[in-house]
């Protein structure tokens, strides 16, 4: 076991100090709306220039791990996902915070993140060669069907009906087409110069989740002092540990989904939490409680978010193929130090590879410890009066949107989408399906076009997209997901009709 031989390198004074700094800094950056894990890692790369390669990667890896987990803080307390990966966390986490259970939600979030993250890193340690070959099996046709699978869960995601959920998703997919086509170079729906580069996911995320919250707070007007403050109930840590250990089904689904999605190059971790949330809801006997402050939904989403971190590095370290945008930035960090990842990385630079991986394992534990420590303090954010909170959230929204590309155009896009979402929510539409459509649209389109080009040069479109075992398995899952969503809608209508008849 070579990783055990290099485990002691993590405990060198400078390496350990960098691990602490990266973990604490990542939690802070992750909790700041607009600062995604990719951006956090990119901001830290200049600080690694004078460090040894292994030490630089320790800092970047710790920041990556803790930023993903830290994004849950703003998702739970402010209903502003710290990153796209935290969208599903808002569905039950923010409801728990409004019920005075903010401390409990944060405890469950960090505990489940640690479990999923440790499992993901263990996969990275023990199954890297096998998983790397499996990840290579995914071509454009398979990634297209994976994106379509993501689209099929839109209907049942945080919406009053399947139809409204699908319509929200379609709006998101249409928004994803704005700008220049990446493959053909065609200009599409560019109504304003701010849209020439398309809609960036971070300003869109902030606008769709934060601005409706701000407008709702402002619409209520000034509430008499003392009536607008949410009480924060103290929650013993042992109860949170007991709750996480009791929800083994949600924890298992989240960890498995996150590990699989993290492994597939090009899919990214944005949809891991949403898919895990959807699957956990479908397999749960308490599915009616989802979206109303149910711990199972929160545990599934957060365990998936961190479970994808380790597997997303498998293609990077073994094949030089980044499995996520953040992994692509880490690739840059390796190349700066003259290290080229690939099949011979573990032969030529074992001390760098194994020290980095071992630090991520220890980083998951530190992230959980520091996260639990700040959970009670951070939960007090919910006690801030709404009039003050609205101004603070609006300021963070503008800062987060502008900081992505230093562009006021992103701020305009954020504000426009936020106002649009404010009115759509009044008609029963939800932000989560819309964002999922915005994320999946480019993945589905790009892989469909690439697949079509390959198909035209080989065996034809039908056999390329509908042939092969993996394609057929994915298509079967897509059909099953659609059938289940329709069945659930019919069941809900039947129950509603029965209740109305009894009244």
Protein backbone atom coordinates (compact mmCIF):
# COMPACT_ATOMS: atom_id res chain seq x y z
CA UNK A 1 0.00 0.00 0.00
CA UNK A 2 2.05 2.90 -1.32
CA UNK A 3 -0.36 5.54 -0.06
CA UNK A 4 0.36 4.49 3.55
CA UNK A 5 4.11 4.88 2.94
CA UNK A 6 3.60 8.54 1.95
CA UNK A 7 0.93 9.33 4.56
CA UNK A 8 3.47 10.79 6.99
CA UNK A 9 4.43 13.49 4.46
CA UNK A 10 1.08 15.21 5.11
CA UNK A 11 2.05 15.78 8.76
CA UNK A 12 5.13 17.84 8.00
CA UNK A 13 4.69 21.28 9.68
CA UNK A 14 4.35 23.34 6.48
CA UNK A 15 2.12 20.76 4.77
CA UNK A 16 -0.17 20.56 7.80
CA UNK A 17 -0.32 24.36 8.08
CA UNK A 18 -1.28 24.64 4.39
CA UNK A 19 -3.96 22.00 4.91
CA UNK A 20 -5.45 24.03 7.78
CA UNK A 21 -5.30 27.29 5.82
CA UNK A 22 -6.82 25.72 2.70
CA UNK A 23 -9.64 24.10 4.68
CA UNK A 24 -10.62 27.18 6.68
CA UNK A 25 -10.20 29.50 3.69
CA UNK A 26 -12.25 27.15 1.50
CA UNK A 27 -15.12 27.14 3.99
CA UNK A 28 -15.17 30.95 3.99
CA UNK A 29 -14.88 31.24 0.21
CA UNK A 30 -17.52 28.53 -0.30
CA UNK A 31 -19.99 30.37 1.93
CA UNK A 32 -19.57 33.55 -0.17
CA UNK A 33 -22.16 33.68 -3.00
CA UNK A 34 -20.50 33.86 -6.39
CA UNK A 35 -17.21 32.22 -5.40
CA UNK A 36 -17.40 28.71 -6.85
CA UNK A 37 -14.87 25.93 -6.05
CA UNK A 38 -13.28 26.50 -9.48
CA UNK A 39 -12.81 30.20 -8.80
CA UNK A 40 -11.50 29.56 -5.27
CA UNK A 41 -8.84 27.13 -6.53
CA UNK A 42 -7.91 29.49 -9.38
CA UNK A 43 -7.45 32.38 -6.92
CA UNK A 44 -5.06 30.29 -4.82
CA UNK A 45 -2.82 29.05 -7.68
CA UNK A 46 -0.49 32.12 -7.57
CA UNK A 47 0.25 31.33 -3.91
CA UNK A 48 1.65 27.92 -4.89
CA UNK A 49 4.41 29.19 -7.22
CA UNK A 50 7.13 29.12 -4.56
CA UNK A 51 5.91 25.97 -2.84
CA UNK A 52 6.95 22.41 -3.50
CA UNK A 53 4.57 20.62 -5.94
CA UNK A 54 3.07 18.39 -3.22
CA UNK A 55 2.59 21.33 -0.84
CA UNK A 56 0.96 23.46 -3.53
CA UNK A 57 -1.48 20.66 -4.36
CA UNK A 58 -2.29 20.22 -0.66
CA UNK A 59 -3.41 23.86 -0.49
CA UNK A 60 -5.46 23.58 -3.70
CA UNK A 61 -7.00 20.21 -2.79
CA UNK A 62 -8.03 21.40 0.69
CA UNK A 63 -9.63 24.51 -0.80
CA UNK A 64 -11.48 22.39 -3.40
CA UNK A 65 -12.89 20.01 -0.78
CA UNK A 66 -13.98 22.60 1.76
CA UNK A 67 -15.38 25.08 -0.77
CA UNK A 68 -17.82 22.46 -2.04
CA UNK A 69 -18.97 21.83 1.55
CA UNK A 70 -18.88 25.53 2.50
CA UNK A 71 -21.34 26.40 -0.26
CA UNK A 72 -24.03 24.76 1.89
CA UNK A 73 -23.78 27.57 4.46
CA UNK A 74 -25.25 30.28 2.23
CA UNK A 75 -27.58 27.73 0.59
CA UNK A 76 -29.11 26.85 3.96
CA UNK A 77 -29.13 30.24 5.66
CA UNK A 78 -29.76 32.61 2.71
CA UNK A 79 -31.18 30.28 0.03
CA UNK A 80 -28.27 31.35 -2.20
CA UNK A 81 -26.27 28.29 -3.34
CA UNK A 82 -22.55 28.94 -2.85
CA UNK A 83 -21.99 26.96 -6.07
CA UNK A 84 -24.16 25.11 -8.62
CA UNK A 85 -23.45 21.90 -6.68
CA UNK A 86 -25.42 23.29 -3.71
CA UNK A 87 -28.70 23.93 -5.55
CA UNK A 88 -30.42 20.83 -4.12
CA UNK A 89 -29.26 21.80 -0.60
CA UNK A 90 -31.55 24.85 -0.65
CA UNK A 91 -34.68 22.74 -1.19
CA UNK A 92 -34.82 21.34 2.35
CA UNK A 93 -31.90 23.13 4.03
CA UNK A 94 -33.34 26.65 3.78
CA UNK A 95 -36.76 25.42 4.89
CA UNK A 96 -35.12 23.93 7.99
CA UNK A 97 -33.42 27.27 8.67
CA UNK A 98 -36.77 29.12 8.43
CA UNK A 99 -38.15 26.62 10.95
CA UNK A 100 -35.39 27.57 13.39
CA UNK A 101 -33.37 24.44 12.61
CA UNK A 102 -30.44 26.18 10.93
CA UNK A 103 -27.84 24.72 13.31
CA UNK A 104 -29.23 21.22 12.77
CA UNK A 105 -29.21 21.65 8.98
CA UNK A 106 -25.58 22.78 9.00
CA UNK A 107 -24.54 19.89 11.26
CA UNK A 108 -26.26 17.35 8.99
CA UNK A 109 -24.70 19.01 5.95
CA UNK A 110 -21.09 18.80 7.20
CA UNK A 111 -21.47 15.29 8.60
CA UNK A 112 -22.96 13.87 5.40
CA UNK A 113 -20.38 15.81 3.31
CA UNK A 114 -17.59 14.17 5.32
CA UNK A 115 -19.02 10.67 4.84
CA UNK A 116 -19.48 11.13 1.09
CA UNK A 117 -16.12 12.86 0.73
CA UNK A 118 -14.16 10.17 2.58
CA UNK A 119 -15.81 7.46 0.48
CA UNK A 120 -14.98 9.37 -2.72
CA UNK A 121 -11.30 9.75 -1.76
CA UNK A 122 -11.10 6.05 -0.82
CA UNK A 123 -12.38 5.26 -4.32
CA UNK A 124 -9.63 7.50 -5.68
CA UNK A 125 -7.03 5.58 -3.62
CA UNK A 126 -8.06 1.98 -4.24
CA UNK A 127 -9.81 1.94 -7.63
CA UNK A 128 -8.01 4.58 -9.70
CA UNK A 129 -6.74 2.33 -12.55
CA UNK A 130 -10.05 0.45 -12.92
CA UNK A 131 -12.22 3.57 -12.69
CA UNK A 132 -10.05 5.45 -15.18
CA UNK A 133 -10.63 2.79 -17.87
CA UNK A 134 -14.37 2.80 -17.12
CA UNK A 135 -14.53 6.61 -17.36
CA UNK A 136 -12.95 6.47 -20.83
CA UNK A 137 -15.87 4.34 -22.06
CA UNK A 138 -18.14 7.45 -22.04
CA UNK A 139 -18.29 9.10 -25.45
CA UNK A 140 -20.50 11.92 -26.80
CA UNK A 141 -23.56 9.66 -27.22
CA UNK A 142 -23.39 8.47 -23.61
CA UNK A 143 -22.89 11.99 -22.27
CA UNK A 144 -25.87 13.14 -24.35
CA UNK A 145 -28.10 10.50 -22.79
CA UNK A 146 -26.78 11.38 -19.33
CA UNK A 147 -27.81 14.99 -19.94
CA UNK A 148 -31.26 13.82 -21.11
CA UNK A 149 -31.50 11.71 -17.94
CA UNK A 150 -30.87 14.87 -15.96
CA UNK A 151 -33.63 16.62 -17.91
CA UNK A 152 -36.12 13.87 -17.00
CA UNK A 153 -35.75 14.61 -13.27
CA UNK A 154 -36.70 18.26 -13.82
CA UNK A 155 -40.43 17.52 -13.69
CA UNK A 156 -40.34 16.27 -10.10
CA UNK A 157 -37.84 18.79 -8.77
CA UNK A 158 -39.14 21.46 -6.36
CA UNK A 159 -42.20 22.39 -8.37
CA UNK A 160 -45.96 22.31 -7.82
CA UNK A 161 -46.48 20.05 -10.85
CA UNK A 162 -44.54 17.98 -13.38
CA UNK A 163 -45.70 20.23 -16.24
CA UNK A 164 -44.51 23.42 -14.52
CA UNK A 165 -41.24 21.73 -13.63
CA UNK A 166 -40.66 20.73 -17.25
CA UNK A 167 -41.60 24.20 -18.47
CA UNK A 168 -39.09 25.71 -16.02
CA UNK A 169 -36.45 23.32 -17.35
CA UNK A 170 -37.28 24.27 -20.95
CA UNK A 171 -36.86 27.97 -20.10
CA UNK A 172 -33.47 27.12 -18.60
CA UNK A 173 -32.42 25.17 -21.70
CA UNK A 174 -33.51 28.07 -23.92
CA UNK A 175 -31.46 30.50 -21.81
CA UNK A 176 -28.46 28.17 -22.31
CA UNK A 177 -28.64 28.74 -26.09
CA UNK A 178 -28.13 32.52 -25.78
CA UNK A 179 -24.77 33.67 -27.13
CA UNK A 180 -22.49 32.13 -29.75
CA UNK A 181 -22.68 28.42 -30.48
CA UNK A 182 -19.42 26.91 -29.24
CA UNK A 183 -19.14 24.43 -32.13
CA UNK A 184 -20.73 26.10 -35.17
CA UNK A 185 -20.10 29.75 -34.15
CA UNK A 186 -23.69 30.80 -34.85
CA UNK A 187 -25.11 33.90 -33.11
CA UNK A 188 -28.30 33.19 -31.13
CA UNK A 189 -30.75 35.43 -29.19
CA UNK A 190 -28.22 38.18 -28.45
CA UNK A 191 -30.62 40.99 -27.53
CA UNK A 192 -27.98 43.05 -25.71
CA UNK A 193 -24.20 43.31 -25.72
CA UNK A 194 -24.17 41.80 -22.20
CA UNK A 195 -25.42 38.53 -23.71
CA UNK A 196 -22.74 38.16 -26.40
CA UNK A 197 -20.79 35.71 -24.23
CA UNK A 198 -23.88 33.81 -23.18
CA UNK A 199 -25.30 33.57 -19.66
CA UNK A 200 -22.69 32.69 -17.05
CA UNK A 201 -24.00 30.12 -14.58
CA UNK A 202 -22.83 31.98 -11.43
CA UNK A 203 -24.70 35.30 -12.04
CA UNK A 204 -27.71 33.26 -13.19
CA UNK A 205 -27.59 31.16 -10.03
CA UNK A 206 -27.36 34.22 -7.79
CA UNK A 207 -30.13 36.05 -9.64
CA UNK A 208 -32.58 33.14 -9.75
CA UNK A 209 -32.22 32.30 -6.06
CA UNK A 210 -31.21 35.55 -4.33
CA UNK A 211 -33.19 38.31 -6.05
CA UNK A 212 -36.66 36.72 -5.53
CA UNK A 213 -35.72 36.44 -1.83
CA UNK A 214 -34.71 40.11 -1.69
CA UNK A 215 -37.82 41.30 -3.54
CA UNK A 216 -40.04 39.22 -1.24
CA UNK A 217 -38.38 40.78 1.81
CA UNK A 218 -38.79 44.29 0.40
CA UNK A 219 -42.41 43.57 -0.61
CA UNK A 220 -43.32 42.79 3.00
CA UNK A 221 -42.31 46.29 4.03
CA UNK A 222 -41.02 47.11 7.47
CA UNK A 223 -42.18 44.54 10.01
CA UNK A 224 -42.54 45.59 13.67
CA UNK A 225 -39.37 44.89 15.65
CA UNK A 226 -39.26 41.48 17.25
CA UNK A 227 -41.73 39.78 14.90
CA UNK A 228 -39.39 39.20 11.96
CA UNK A 229 -36.56 37.40 13.76
CA UNK A 230 -36.32 33.64 13.31
CA UNK A 231 -35.51 31.75 16.49
CA UNK A 232 -32.53 29.44 16.24
CA UNK A 233 -32.90 26.25 18.21
CA UNK A 234 -29.76 24.72 19.68
CA UNK A 235 -29.14 21.21 18.40
CA UNK A 236 -26.83 18.71 20.15
CA UNK A 237 -24.19 17.23 17.87
CA UNK A 238 -24.93 13.68 19.03
CA UNK A 239 -28.48 13.99 17.67
CA UNK A 240 -27.13 15.07 14.28
CA UNK A 241 -24.73 12.10 14.24
CA UNK A 242 -27.62 9.79 15.15
CA UNK A 243 -29.81 11.29 12.40
CA UNK A 244 -27.14 10.85 9.71
CA UNK A 245 -26.45 7.26 10.79
CA UNK A 246 -30.20 6.56 10.71
CA UNK A 247 -30.61 7.86 7.14
CA UNK A 248 -28.43 5.18 5.55
CA UNK A 249 -30.57 5.00 2.40
CA UNK A 250 -30.19 8.72 1.61
CA UNK A 251 -26.50 8.60 2.55
CA UNK A 252 -25.92 5.54 0.33
CA UNK A 253 -27.80 6.99 -2.65
CA UNK A 254 -26.01 10.34 -2.37
CA UNK A 255 -22.57 8.77 -2.04
CA UNK A 256 -23.12 6.36 -4.95
CA UNK A 257 -24.60 8.97 -7.30
CA UNK A 258 -21.90 11.52 -6.46
CA UNK A 259 -19.12 8.98 -7.01
CA UNK A 260 -20.47 7.88 -10.40
CA UNK A 261 -21.18 11.38 -11.71
CA UNK A 262 -17.86 12.73 -10.43
CA UNK A 263 -16.03 10.04 -12.36
CA UNK A 264 -17.52 10.87 -15.76
CA UNK A 265 -15.40 13.51 -17.58
CA UNK A 266 -17.28 16.59 -18.74
CA UNK A 267 -20.41 16.16 -16.61
CA UNK A 268 -19.08 18.01 -13.58
CA UNK A 269 -20.46 17.99 -10.06
CA UNK A 270 -23.21 20.54 -10.66
CA UNK A 271 -25.87 17.89 -11.17
CA UNK A 272 -24.65 15.35 -8.58
CA UNK A 273 -26.65 16.83 -5.71
CA UNK A 274 -29.78 17.29 -7.84
CA UNK A 275 -29.74 13.72 -9.19
CA UNK A 276 -29.05 12.31 -5.70
CA UNK A 277 -31.89 14.39 -4.24
CA UNK A 278 -34.28 13.20 -6.94
CA UNK A 279 -33.34 9.53 -6.56
CA UNK A 280 -33.52 9.71 -2.77
CA UNK A 281 -36.99 11.22 -3.05
CA UNK A 282 -38.15 8.49 -5.43
CA UNK A 283 -36.95 5.66 -3.16
CA UNK A 284 -38.13 7.24 0.11
CA UNK A 285 -41.42 6.23 1.78
CA UNK A 286 -41.52 9.80 3.15
CA UNK A 287 -41.32 11.52 -0.24
CA UNK A 288 -44.15 13.90 0.73
CA UNK A 289 -41.86 15.51 3.31
CA UNK A 290 -39.21 16.48 0.75
CA UNK A 291 -39.03 20.23 0.22
CA UNK A 292 -40.60 20.86 3.64
CA UNK A 293 -37.47 20.62 5.76
CA UNK A 294 -36.77 16.88 5.51
CA UNK A 295 -33.30 15.81 6.65
CA UNK A 296 -33.17 12.97 4.10
CA UNK A 297 -33.11 15.36 1.13
CA UNK A 298 -30.35 17.47 2.69
CA UNK A 299 -28.20 14.42 3.54
CA UNK A 300 -28.53 12.94 0.03
CA UNK A 301 -27.61 16.24 -1.67
CA UNK A 302 -24.58 17.07 0.47
CA UNK A 303 -23.14 13.54 0.57
CA UNK A 304 -23.30 13.50 -3.26
CA UNK A 305 -21.60 16.91 -3.56
CA UNK A 306 -18.48 15.80 -1.71
CA UNK A 307 -18.50 12.19 -2.92
CA UNK A 308 -17.88 13.47 -6.44
CA UNK A 309 -14.68 15.32 -5.45
CA UNK A 310 -12.37 12.28 -5.28
CA UNK A 311 -13.63 10.45 -8.41
CA UNK A 312 -13.52 13.70 -10.45
CA UNK A 313 -9.73 13.57 -10.04
CA UNK A 314 -9.38 9.99 -11.33
CA UNK A 315 -9.37 10.90 -15.07
CA UNK A 316 -7.07 13.85 -14.30
CA UNK A 317 -4.37 11.93 -12.43
CA UNK A 318 -4.36 8.85 -14.67
CA UNK A 319 -5.39 10.08 -18.13
CA UNK A 320 -4.69 13.85 -18.05
CA UNK A 321 -8.44 14.35 -18.69
CA UNK A 322 -10.04 16.74 -16.16
CA UNK A 323 -13.32 15.33 -14.86
CA UNK A 324 -14.67 18.73 -13.79
CA UNK A 325 -13.91 22.45 -14.25
CA UNK A 326 -12.10 22.53 -10.91
CA UNK A 327 -10.01 19.51 -11.92
CA UNK A 328 -9.01 21.46 -15.04
CA UNK A 329 -7.69 24.27 -12.82
CA UNK A 330 -5.80 21.69 -10.73
CA UNK A 331 -4.27 20.41 -13.96
CA UNK A 332 -2.89 23.90 -14.50
CA UNK A 333 -1.45 23.80 -10.98
CA UNK A 334 0.38 20.57 -11.84
CA UNK A 335 1.72 21.82 -15.15
CA UNK A 336 3.09 24.99 -13.52
CA UNK A 337 5.41 22.76 -11.50
CA UNK A 338 6.45 20.76 -14.55
CA UNK A 339 4.44 17.66 -13.60
CA UNK A 340 2.39 16.05 -16.34
CA UNK A 341 -0.38 13.79 -15.02
CA UNK A 342 -0.92 10.51 -16.78
CA UNK A 343 -0.26 6.82 -16.52
CA UNK A 344 3.32 7.35 -15.29
CA UNK A 345 2.51 9.98 -12.63
CA UNK A 346 2.42 7.38 -9.84
CA UNK A 347 5.72 5.90 -11.12
CA UNK A 348 7.72 9.12 -11.65
CA UNK A 349 6.25 11.34 -8.90
CA UNK A 350 4.65 9.02 -6.31
CA UNK A 351 5.48 11.38 -3.43
CA UNK A 352 3.49 14.19 -5.10
CA UNK A 353 0.48 12.08 -6.12
CA UNK A 354 0.08 10.15 -2.87
CA UNK A 355 0.76 13.12 -0.57
CA UNK A 356 -1.91 15.09 -2.45
CA UNK A 357 -4.46 12.25 -2.24
CA UNK A 358 -3.71 11.58 1.44
CA UNK A 359 -4.11 15.27 2.25
CA UNK A 360 -7.58 15.22 0.68
CA UNK A 361 -8.54 12.31 2.95
CA UNK A 362 -7.37 14.22 6.03
CA UNK A 363 -8.91 17.41 4.63
CA UNK A 364 -12.37 15.84 4.65
CA UNK A 365 -12.06 15.19 8.37
CA UNK A 366 -10.75 18.71 9.10
CA UNK A 367 -13.54 20.20 6.97
CA UNK A 368 -16.11 18.37 9.08
CA UNK A 369 -14.50 19.44 12.39
CA UNK A 370 -14.22 23.13 11.45
CA UNK A 371 -17.65 23.10 9.79
CA UNK A 372 -19.33 21.69 12.89
CA UNK A 373 -17.55 24.26 15.03
CA UNK A 374 -18.93 27.18 13.03
CA UNK A 375 -22.41 25.63 12.55
CA UNK A 376 -23.86 27.10 15.72
CA UNK A 377 -22.29 30.52 15.10
CA UNK A 378 -23.27 30.65 11.42
CA UNK A 379 -26.87 29.65 12.20
CA UNK A 380 -27.32 32.94 14.05
CA UNK A 381 -27.36 34.64 10.65
CA UNK A 382 -31.02 33.58 10.53
CA UNK A 383 -31.70 35.93 13.48
CA UNK A 384 -30.74 39.03 11.50
CA UNK A 385 -33.87 41.17 10.84
CA UNK A 386 -35.22 40.80 7.31
CA UNK A 387 -34.81 44.50 6.50
CA UNK A 388 -31.08 44.22 7.20
CA UNK A 389 -30.79 40.79 5.58
CA UNK A 390 -32.36 42.04 2.33
CA UNK A 391 -29.76 44.81 2.00
CA UNK A 392 -26.87 42.45 2.82
CA UNK A 393 -28.05 39.75 0.39
CA UNK A 394 -28.52 42.33 -2.38
CA UNK A 395 -24.98 43.61 -1.81
CA UNK A 396 -23.56 40.08 -1.89
CA UNK A 397 -25.55 39.34 -5.06
CA UNK A 398 -24.11 42.37 -6.88
CA UNK A 399 -20.58 41.69 -5.62
CA UNK A 400 -20.73 37.97 -6.45
CA UNK A 401 -22.07 38.58 -9.97
CA UNK A 402 -19.60 41.34 -10.80
CA UNK A 403 -16.57 39.44 -9.46
CA UNK A 404 -16.99 36.51 -11.88
CA UNK A 405 -15.75 38.43 -14.93
CA UNK A 406 -15.46 42.00 -13.58
CA UNK A 407 -18.40 42.90 -15.79
CA UNK A 408 -21.51 44.98 -15.09
CA UNK A 409 -23.15 42.97 -17.86
CA UNK A 410 -23.27 39.98 -15.49
CA UNK A 411 -24.95 42.18 -12.88
CA UNK A 412 -27.62 43.19 -15.42
CA UNK A 413 -28.18 39.54 -16.35
CA UNK A 414 -28.41 38.59 -12.66
CA UNK A 415 -30.97 41.31 -11.94
CA UNK A 416 -33.09 40.54 -15.03
CA UNK A 417 -33.25 36.80 -14.32
CA UNK A 418 -34.02 37.50 -10.65
CA UNK A 419 -36.97 39.77 -11.45
CA UNK A 420 -38.25 37.23 -13.99
CA UNK A 421 -38.01 34.45 -11.38
CA UNK A 422 -39.83 36.58 -8.80
CA UNK A 423 -42.92 36.67 -11.03
CA UNK A 424 -42.60 33.04 -12.19
CA UNK A 425 -42.63 31.87 -8.55
CA UNK A 426 -46.02 33.53 -8.11
CA UNK A 427 -47.40 31.06 -10.69
CA UNK A 428 -45.89 27.96 -9.10
CA UNK A 429 -42.65 27.73 -11.09
CA UNK A 430 -39.40 26.94 -9.27
CA UNK A 431 -35.80 28.07 -9.73
CA UNK A 432 -34.11 24.67 -9.31
CA UNK A 433 -35.52 23.07 -12.52
CA UNK A 434 -34.68 26.23 -14.47
CA UNK A 435 -31.07 26.20 -13.29
CA UNK A 436 -30.77 22.49 -14.03
CA UNK A 437 -31.96 23.17 -17.60
CA UNK A 438 -29.39 25.97 -17.89
CA UNK A 439 -26.61 23.59 -16.79
CA UNK A 440 -27.67 20.58 -18.85
CA UNK A 441 -28.52 22.47 -22.05
CA UNK A 442 -24.92 23.04 -23.21
CA UNK A 443 -23.89 19.49 -22.23
CA UNK A 444 -26.72 17.93 -24.23
CA UNK A 445 -26.27 20.23 -27.24
CA UNK A 446 -22.48 19.95 -27.49
CA UNK A 447 -22.45 16.16 -27.18
CA UNK A 448 -25.36 15.77 -29.63
CA UNK A 449 -23.53 17.83 -32.27
CA UNK A 450 -20.22 16.03 -31.67
CA UNK A 451 -21.98 12.66 -31.73
CA UNK A 452 -23.76 13.55 -34.97
CA UNK A 453 -20.46 14.47 -36.62
CA UNK A 454 -18.93 11.14 -35.54
CA UNK A 455 -22.06 9.27 -36.60
CA UNK A 456 -22.10 10.83 -40.08
CA UNK A 457 -18.51 9.70 -40.60
CA UNK A 458 -19.13 6.16 -39.33
CA UNK A 459 -22.24 4.04 -38.95
CA UNK A 460 -25.04 6.63 -38.97
CA UNK A 461 -26.90 8.53 -36.25
CA UNK A 462 -29.39 5.83 -35.26
CA UNK A 463 -26.85 3.10 -34.58
CA UNK A 464 -24.47 5.55 -32.89
CA UNK A 465 -27.01 6.99 -30.42
CA UNK A 466 -29.19 3.88 -29.98
CA UNK A 467 -26.63 1.10 -30.29
CA UNK A 468 -24.31 -0.39 -27.69
CA UNK A 469 -25.00 -1.74 -24.21
CA UNK A 470 -24.20 1.47 -22.34
CA UNK A 471 -26.49 3.56 -24.58
CA UNK A 472 -29.34 1.08 -24.13
CA UNK A 473 -28.91 1.02 -20.35
CA UNK A 474 -28.99 4.84 -20.18
CA UNK A 475 -32.06 4.99 -22.47
CA UNK A 476 -33.85 2.46 -20.27
CA UNK A 477 -33.10 4.57 -17.19
CA UNK A 478 -34.37 7.69 -18.99
CA UNK A 479 -37.66 5.97 -19.89
CA UNK A 480 -38.04 4.61 -16.36
CA UNK A 481 -37.46 8.10 -14.92
CA UNK A 482 -40.12 9.62 -17.21
CA UNK A 483 -42.61 6.86 -16.37
CA UNK A 484 -42.01 7.31 -12.66
CA UNK A 485 -42.51 11.10 -12.81
CA UNK A 486 -45.81 10.65 -14.69
CA UNK A 487 -46.95 7.95 -12.25
CA UNK A 488 -46.11 10.18 -9.26
CA UNK A 489 -48.07 13.08 -10.78
CA UNK A 490 -51.11 10.84 -11.32
CA UNK A 491 -50.81 9.52 -7.75
CA UNK A 492 -50.68 13.05 -6.33
CA UNK A 493 -53.72 14.09 -8.35
CA UNK A 494 -55.60 11.00 -7.16
CA UNK A 495 -54.79 11.76 -3.52
CA UNK A 496 -55.79 15.43 -3.94
CA UNK A 497 -59.09 14.45 -5.59
CA UNK A 498 -59.81 11.95 -2.81
CA UNK A 499 -59.13 14.56 -0.10
CA UNK A 500 -61.39 17.09 -1.83
CA UNK A 501 -64.17 14.50 -2.07
CA UNK A 502 -63.89 13.72 1.65
CA UNK A 503 -64.23 17.39 2.49
